[in-house]
Amino acid sequence: MPLICFASPKGGVGKTTLSANVTDLLRRNGRIPLALDLDPQNSLRLHFGMPVTDQAGFCANLQRRPEWRQHLRQAASGTLLLPHGAIELRQSLEHAVALEREPGLLAAPLRDILADPRVVVVADMPPGPSQALAILMPMASLVVTVLQSSAISAAMLNEIEAGRFLGSGTMAALFAGRLQFVLNGVDMNSRLSRGAAEAVARHLGPRLLGAISQDDAVAEALASQRLVHEVAPHSRAAEDMRQVARAIEALLPPLAQDAPTPPPAPPSLAAPWTAPQGGTR
């Protein structure tokens, strides 16, 4: 029942790509992960091959108090997914207000999911401060903060490390001590990118779970709606992501050796789909 939140101070840093790949790598390591998309961009589903035209989801319907099991999906690999669902800007703003007024809209179903000790929930959070992140923080075992390998990340490191992007208040201050970090898009052929990565690594020390190389394999995986370790398992980015997954695995409670492994989800709870082998849907 661990909860891992993938967060970022801003968008466009590869948070969703990393959370999708780590979720599936945890499955390959014997876990039963559930990928929960709380980012209104509704793009986590695409990494698992879910059709672009299928825009149904759980989080977009929270104000209607949906039964989360009815929105649970299963990729061909076996990874479970609760997609966010399509939502317009006005609806997104109303959604945030509703969560602020009634946190239980999200907290209650999440507690229900976490009640299963076999499941690891990996939540893809909206970038920056959000009401969803404020609700999940008290329940989270780990917040993985994804940073871009750039000069701005190095310059703002003290602010980022303090967890101020989590929002203001006592809970944010308390939770900042549980932050872990991943550096994404490291280009060793760029002096600026390499210098920024080295500065971040020196400052964060063991709190840096790993660094992901800039790699064309990531773009190829996105284009085919598949995971990096499926498209290019021997690529540098795939190996870097495996290292991050191993580092996260080491922070989780050990798997019960004597517990039988059940099917990821019964057919009544998860409608499966098959990831595309090439191109987009």
Protein backbone atom coordinates (compact mmCIF):
# COMPACT_ATOMS: atom_id res chain seq x y z
CA MET A 1 0.00 0.00 0.00
CA PRO A 2 2.83 2.51 -0.46
CA LEU A 3 1.97 5.75 -2.27
CA ILE A 4 4.63 7.33 -4.49
CA CYS A 5 3.94 10.81 -5.87
CA PHE A 6 5.80 12.07 -8.93
CA ALA A 7 5.88 15.86 -8.73
CA SER A 8 7.74 18.76 -10.31
CA PRO A 9 8.13 22.49 -9.70
CA LYS A 10 7.02 23.15 -13.30
CA GLY A 11 5.73 21.34 -16.35
CA GLY A 12 7.69 19.98 -19.29
CA VAL A 13 10.42 18.22 -17.27
CA GLY A 14 9.46 14.63 -18.16
CA LYS A 15 7.56 13.85 -14.96
CA THR A 16 4.81 11.85 -16.63
CA THR A 17 7.21 9.89 -18.83
CA LEU A 18 9.28 8.91 -15.82
CA SER A 19 6.30 8.00 -13.65
CA ALA A 20 4.86 5.74 -16.38
CA ASN A 21 8.13 3.91 -16.95
CA VAL A 22 8.90 3.49 -13.24
CA THR A 23 5.38 2.15 -12.63
CA ASP A 24 5.87 -0.61 -15.19
CA LEU A 25 9.41 -1.35 -13.98
CA LEU A 26 8.05 -1.87 -10.46
CA ARG A 27 5.62 -4.38 -11.97
CA ARG A 28 8.52 -6.20 -13.61
CA ASN A 29 10.21 -6.34 -10.21
CA GLY A 30 7.25 -8.23 -8.77
CA ARG A 31 5.13 -5.38 -7.41
CA ILE A 32 1.45 -4.75 -8.21
CA PRO A 33 1.53 -1.07 -9.18
CA LEU A 34 -1.41 1.14 -9.99
CA ALA A 35 -0.70 4.27 -12.03
CA LEU A 36 -2.96 7.10 -10.90
CA ASP A 37 -3.16 10.14 -13.18
CA LEU A 38 -3.98 13.35 -11.29
CA ASP A 39 -2.56 15.69 -13.93
CA PRO A 40 -5.34 17.40 -15.96
CA GLN A 41 -3.25 16.95 -19.11
CA ASN A 42 -4.55 13.36 -19.08
CA SER A 43 -1.43 12.06 -20.83
CA LEU A 44 -0.25 9.25 -18.53
CA ARG A 45 -2.60 6.84 -20.36
CA LEU A 46 -0.83 7.42 -23.67
CA HIS A 47 2.43 5.93 -22.37
CA PHE A 48 0.59 2.65 -21.84
CA GLY A 49 -0.95 2.58 -25.32
CA MET A 50 -4.45 3.64 -24.36
CA PRO A 51 -6.29 4.95 -27.45
CA VAL A 52 -6.21 8.73 -27.84
CA THR A 53 -9.95 8.68 -28.52
CA ASP A 54 -10.67 7.01 -25.18
CA GLN A 55 -10.92 10.06 -22.91
CA ALA A 56 -12.84 8.57 -20.00
CA GLY A 57 -11.26 8.76 -16.58
CA PHE A 58 -11.56 8.86 -12.82
CA CYS A 59 -10.21 12.16 -11.55
CA ALA A 60 -12.15 14.33 -14.01
CA ASN A 61 -15.35 12.93 -12.52
CA LEU A 62 -14.50 13.28 -8.81
CA GLN A 63 -17.29 15.78 -8.18
CA ARG A 64 -19.75 13.02 -9.16
CA ARG A 65 -18.16 10.70 -6.57
CA PRO A 66 -17.38 7.89 -9.04
CA GLU A 67 -16.60 4.33 -8.02
CA TRP A 68 -12.88 4.11 -8.82
CA ARG A 69 -13.07 0.41 -9.76
CA GLN A 70 -15.33 1.28 -12.69
CA HIS A 71 -12.57 3.43 -14.18
CA LEU A 72 -9.71 1.01 -13.57
CA ARG A 73 -7.96 -0.10 -16.73
CA GLN A 74 -5.27 -2.66 -17.48
CA ALA A 75 -2.56 -2.46 -20.12
CA ALA A 76 -1.46 -5.51 -22.06
CA SER A 77 1.59 -5.70 -19.79
CA GLY A 78 -0.64 -6.03 -16.73
CA THR A 79 0.00 -2.57 -15.33
CA LEU A 80 -3.12 -1.04 -13.78
CA LEU A 81 -4.15 2.51 -14.63
CA LEU A 82 -6.67 5.05 -13.39
CA PRO A 83 -6.64 7.67 -16.15
CA HIS A 84 -7.45 11.26 -15.30
CA GLY A 85 -10.01 11.76 -18.04
CA ALA A 86 -10.49 14.67 -20.41
CA ILE A 87 -11.29 17.99 -18.76
CA GLU A 88 -11.58 21.58 -19.98
CA LEU A 89 -9.90 24.56 -18.32
CA ARG A 90 -13.08 25.84 -16.68
CA GLN A 91 -13.86 22.38 -15.35
CA SER A 92 -10.31 22.05 -14.09
CA LEU A 93 -10.66 25.25 -12.06
CA GLU A 94 -14.01 24.10 -10.66
CA HIS A 95 -12.42 20.76 -9.85
CA ALA A 96 -9.64 22.43 -7.82
CA VAL A 97 -12.17 24.50 -5.87
CA ALA A 98 -14.24 21.38 -5.14
CA LEU A 99 -11.18 19.55 -3.80
CA GLU A 100 -10.30 22.48 -1.57
CA ARG A 101 -13.81 22.50 -0.13
CA GLU A 102 -14.09 18.74 0.18
CA PRO A 103 -10.72 16.92 0.23
CA GLY A 104 -12.51 13.64 0.86
CA LEU A 105 -13.56 13.52 -2.79
CA LEU A 106 -10.03 12.34 -3.52
CA ALA A 107 -8.80 11.22 -0.11
CA ALA A 108 -11.59 8.68 0.49
CA PRO A 109 -11.18 6.62 -2.72
CA LEU A 110 -7.40 6.78 -2.40
CA ARG A 111 -7.56 5.35 1.12
CA ASP A 112 -9.73 2.58 -0.29
CA ILE A 113 -7.12 1.80 -2.94
CA LEU A 114 -4.26 1.91 -0.41
CA ALA A 115 -6.13 -0.49 1.89
CA ASP A 116 -4.87 -3.36 -0.30
CA PRO A 117 -1.37 -4.12 1.08
CA ARG A 118 -0.27 -5.69 -2.21
CA VAL A 119 -0.71 -2.52 -4.28
CA VAL A 120 1.82 0.26 -4.85
CA VAL A 121 0.12 3.45 -6.07
CA VAL A 122 2.22 5.69 -8.33
CA ALA A 123 0.52 9.08 -8.69
CA ASP A 124 1.42 11.47 -11.49
CA MET A 125 0.75 14.87 -9.90
CA PRO A 126 0.00 18.20 -11.60
CA PRO A 127 3.14 20.37 -11.90
CA GLY A 128 3.73 22.93 -9.16
CA PRO A 129 1.55 23.41 -6.09
CA SER A 130 -1.89 21.82 -6.31
CA GLN A 131 -4.76 20.86 -4.07
CA ALA A 132 -4.34 17.24 -5.15
CA LEU A 133 -0.74 17.23 -3.92
CA ALA A 134 -1.78 18.82 -0.62
CA ILE A 135 -4.32 16.02 -0.12
CA LEU A 136 -1.91 13.21 -0.99
CA MET A 137 1.12 14.47 0.96
CA PRO A 138 0.03 13.12 4.37
CA MET A 139 -0.54 9.67 2.84
CA ALA A 140 2.54 9.51 0.62
CA SER A 141 5.50 7.29 1.39
CA LEU A 142 7.68 9.16 -1.07
CA VAL A 143 7.56 12.24 -3.30
CA VAL A 144 9.86 11.92 -6.29
CA THR A 145 10.63 15.42 -7.57
CA VAL A 146 11.65 15.51 -11.23
CA LEU A 147 14.05 18.31 -12.24
CA GLN A 148 15.34 19.25 -15.66
CA SER A 149 19.10 19.30 -16.13
CA SER A 150 19.34 23.03 -16.72
CA ALA A 151 20.88 26.17 -15.26
CA ILE A 152 17.52 27.28 -13.84
CA SER A 153 17.18 24.07 -11.83
CA ALA A 154 20.64 24.57 -10.35
CA ALA A 155 19.94 28.23 -9.60
CA MET A 156 16.63 27.47 -7.84
CA LEU A 157 17.91 24.41 -6.02
CA ASN A 158 17.54 25.84 -2.51
CA GLU A 159 13.89 26.74 -3.19
CA ILE A 160 13.21 23.35 -4.76
CA GLU A 161 15.01 21.40 -2.04
CA ALA A 162 13.02 23.21 0.66
CA GLY A 163 9.86 21.85 -0.95
CA ARG A 164 8.27 25.28 -1.36
CA PHE A 165 6.72 24.18 -4.65
CA LEU A 166 4.60 21.83 -2.54
CA GLY A 167 2.67 24.86 -1.36
CA SER A 168 2.65 26.89 1.83
CA GLY A 169 1.78 25.78 5.32
CA THR A 170 2.94 23.44 8.04
CA MET A 171 2.31 20.21 6.13
CA ALA A 172 4.52 21.32 3.25
CA ALA A 173 7.32 22.22 5.65
CA LEU A 174 7.07 18.89 7.45
CA PHE A 175 6.86 16.85 4.27
CA ALA A 176 9.81 18.57 2.59
CA GLY A 177 12.12 16.26 4.56
CA ARG A 178 10.73 13.25 2.68
CA LEU A 179 11.49 14.54 -0.81
CA GLN A 180 13.65 12.55 -3.21
CA PHE A 181 14.88 13.81 -6.58
CA VAL A 182 15.53 12.67 -10.14
CA LEU A 183 17.40 14.73 -12.71
CA ASN A 184 16.09 14.37 -16.27
CA GLY A 185 17.46 15.17 -19.71
CA VAL A 186 21.17 15.16 -18.89
CA ASP A 187 23.19 15.86 -22.04
CA MET A 188 26.80 14.92 -21.37
CA ASN A 189 27.81 16.58 -24.65
CA SER A 190 26.56 19.95 -23.39
CA ARG A 191 28.84 21.74 -20.98
CA LEU A 192 25.88 23.66 -19.53
CA SER A 193 23.73 20.57 -18.99
CA ARG A 194 26.63 18.60 -17.57
CA GLY A 195 27.61 21.45 -15.26
CA ALA A 196 24.05 21.86 -13.99
CA ALA A 197 23.78 18.12 -13.38
CA GLU A 198 27.03 18.04 -11.44
CA ALA A 199 25.96 21.01 -9.29
CA VAL A 200 22.61 19.38 -8.48
CA ALA A 201 24.25 16.02 -7.71
CA ARG A 202 26.78 17.59 -5.34
CA HIS A 203 24.08 19.51 -3.50
CA LEU A 204 21.51 16.73 -3.15
CA GLY A 205 23.87 13.85 -2.43
CA PRO A 206 22.00 10.62 -1.55
CA ARG A 207 18.62 12.29 -2.03
CA LEU A 208 19.26 12.17 -5.79
CA LEU A 209 17.79 8.83 -6.85
CA GLY A 210 19.31 9.00 -10.31
CA ALA A 211 19.75 10.94 -13.53
CA ILE A 212 18.17 10.23 -16.91
CA SER A 213 20.21 10.78 -20.06
CA GLN A 214 18.88 12.83 -22.94
CA ASP A 215 18.08 10.10 -25.44
CA ASP A 216 16.17 9.85 -28.73
CA ALA A 217 14.69 6.60 -27.42
CA VAL A 218 12.41 8.64 -25.16
CA ALA A 219 10.91 10.51 -28.11
CA GLU A 220 10.56 7.25 -30.07
CA ALA A 221 8.66 5.69 -27.17
CA LEU A 222 6.34 8.69 -26.92
CA ALA A 223 5.64 8.58 -30.65
CA SER A 224 4.64 4.91 -30.51
CA GLN A 225 2.72 5.22 -27.21
CA ARG A 226 4.96 2.68 -25.54
CA LEU A 227 7.42 2.64 -22.68
CA VAL A 228 11.11 3.33 -23.17
CA HIS A 229 12.23 -0.08 -21.92
CA GLU A 230 9.86 -1.70 -24.43
CA VAL A 231 11.00 0.33 -27.45
CA ALA A 232 14.73 0.50 -26.69
CA PRO A 233 15.59 -1.77 -23.75
CA HIS A 234 19.34 -1.34 -24.28
CA SER A 235 19.27 2.45 -24.56
CA ARG A 236 21.00 4.67 -22.04
CA ALA A 237 17.68 6.21 -20.97
CA ALA A 238 16.15 2.78 -20.35
CA GLU A 239 19.08 1.76 -18.15
CA ASP A 240 18.91 5.06 -16.26
CA MET A 241 15.19 4.52 -15.61
CA ARG A 242 15.86 1.00 -14.37
CA GLN A 243 18.38 2.48 -11.94
CA VAL A 244 15.80 4.97 -10.66
CA ALA A 245 13.24 2.17 -10.26
CA ARG A 246 15.78 0.12 -8.28
CA ALA A 247 16.49 3.10 -6.03
CA ILE A 248 12.77 3.58 -5.39
CA GLU A 249 12.31 -0.14 -4.81
CA ALA A 250 14.99 0.00 -2.12
CA LEU A 251 12.93 2.59 -0.24
CA LEU A 252 9.74 0.51 -0.27
CA PRO A 253 8.74 -2.18 2.25
CA PRO A 254 10.05 -5.59 1.12
CA LEU A 255 7.78 -7.93 -0.77
CA ALA A 256 6.21 -10.65 1.34
CA GLN A 257 8.03 -13.82 0.30
CA ASP A 258 5.27 -16.19 1.38
CA ALA A 259 2.30 -14.26 0.00
CA PRO A 260 0.75 -15.61 -3.21
CA THR A 261 0.73 -13.18 -6.11
CA PRO A 262 -2.84 -12.61 -7.31
CA PRO A 263 -3.82 -11.55 -10.80
CA PRO A 264 -3.27 -7.79 -11.23
CA ALA A 265 -7.00 -7.13 -11.54
CA PRO A 266 -10.09 -9.25 -12.13
CA PRO A 267 -11.81 -8.72 -15.49
CA SER A 268 -14.79 -7.14 -13.73
CA LEU A 269 -12.59 -4.33 -12.44
CA ALA A 270 -10.29 -3.59 -15.35
CA ALA A 271 -11.08 -3.36 -19.03
CA PRO A 272 -7.85 -4.33 -20.81
CA TRP A 273 -6.45 -2.86 -23.97
CA THR A 274 -3.45 -3.76 -26.10
CA ALA A 275 -0.61 -1.30 -26.48
CA PRO A 276 0.11 -0.38 -30.12
CA GLN A 277 3.22 -1.83 -31.71
CA GLY A 278 4.01 1.31 -33.71
CA GLY A 279 2.56 4.70 -34.50
CA THR A 280 -0.16 6.47 -32.57
CA ARG A 281 -3.84 5.77 -32.29
